C-alpha cells in the first residue's frame, strides 16, 4: 500500500511537491510547474493556503507513524 509522505531529499520548501511526485511516479519539476500554474489561475491565495495546510498534515518520510488503537 502506497502512502503519501513529504520528501526529505527532493524538496525546495518543505518537500510537498517532491512527495507528491514520488507518490505518482512523475518528475517533481512537473508537479512544481502544476502548483505554480494552479496558484496563478486561482489568484495565489487558495493554492498557498492549501500548500501550507497539506505541508502540516502530511507526515515527513521516515517519521514514526502513530497507528490507531482498536
Protein backbone atom coordinates (compact mmCIF):
# COMPACT_ATOMS: atom_id res chain seq x y z
CA UNK A 1 0.00 0.00 0.00
CA UNK A 2 1.46 3.36 -1.08
CA UNK A 3 1.38 6.29 1.31
CA UNK A 4 2.00 9.97 0.70
CA UNK A 5 4.92 11.50 2.59
CA UNK A 6 6.82 14.77 2.42
CA UNK A 7 10.15 14.15 0.72
CA UNK A 8 13.32 14.52 2.76
CA UNK A 9 15.62 14.64 -0.28
CA UNK A 10 13.63 16.22 -3.14
CA UNK A 11 12.50 19.48 -1.61
CA UNK A 12 12.62 23.20 -2.25
CA UNK A 13 10.42 24.47 0.59
CA UNK A 14 9.10 21.58 2.68
CA UNK A 15 9.12 18.52 0.36
CA UNK A 16 5.43 18.54 -0.56
CA UNK A 17 5.90 18.59 -4.36
CA UNK A 18 8.69 16.01 -4.12
CA UNK A 19 6.47 13.73 -2.05
CA UNK A 20 3.55 14.07 -4.46
CA UNK A 21 5.88 13.37 -7.39
CA UNK A 22 7.22 10.23 -5.70
CA UNK A 23 3.69 9.04 -4.90
CA UNK A 24 2.54 9.37 -8.52
CA UNK A 25 5.95 8.37 -10.02
CA UNK A 26 6.38 11.57 -12.03
CA UNK A 27 9.11 14.21 -12.22
CA UNK A 28 8.97 16.68 -9.34
CA UNK A 29 9.56 19.59 -11.75
CA UNK A 30 6.22 18.82 -13.41
CA UNK A 31 4.47 18.86 -10.05
CA UNK A 32 6.11 22.17 -9.17
CA UNK A 33 5.05 23.69 -12.50
CA UNK A 34 1.50 22.47 -11.92
CA UNK A 35 1.46 24.06 -8.45
CA UNK A 36 2.70 27.36 -9.89
CA UNK A 37 0.10 27.25 -12.67
CA UNK A 38 -2.75 26.49 -10.25
CA UNK A 39 -1.53 29.27 -7.95
CA UNK A 40 -1.59 31.80 -10.75
CA UNK A 41 -5.01 30.69 -12.02
CA UNK A 42 -6.61 30.80 -8.57
CA UNK A 43 -5.15 34.20 -7.63
CA UNK A 44 -2.47 32.65 -5.36
CA UNK A 45 -4.31 32.67 -2.01
CA UNK A 46 -6.25 29.35 -2.22
CA UNK A 47 -3.24 27.45 -3.56
CA UNK A 48 -0.90 28.90 -0.93
CA UNK A 49 -3.34 28.07 1.89
CA UNK A 50 -3.78 24.53 0.53
CA UNK A 51 0.01 24.10 0.25
CA UNK A 52 0.55 25.23 3.86
CA UNK A 53 -2.22 23.00 5.25
CA UNK A 54 -1.03 19.96 3.25
CA UNK A 55 2.52 20.55 4.47
CA UNK A 56 1.29 20.48 8.07
CA UNK A 57 -0.93 17.39 7.67
CA UNK A 58 1.21 15.05 5.52
CA UNK A 59 3.89 13.25 7.57
CA UNK A 60 7.56 13.52 6.64
CA UNK A 61 9.17 10.36 5.24
CA UNK A 62 10.93 8.40 7.96
CA UNK A 63 8.98 9.88 10.88
CA UNK A 64 7.41 7.34 13.23
CA UNK A 65 3.79 6.59 12.37
CA UNK A 66 1.17 6.57 15.09
CA UNK A 67 -1.30 3.76 14.48
CA UNK A 68 -4.93 3.81 15.56
CA UNK A 69 -5.62 1.71 18.65
CA UNK A 70 -8.66 -0.53 18.32
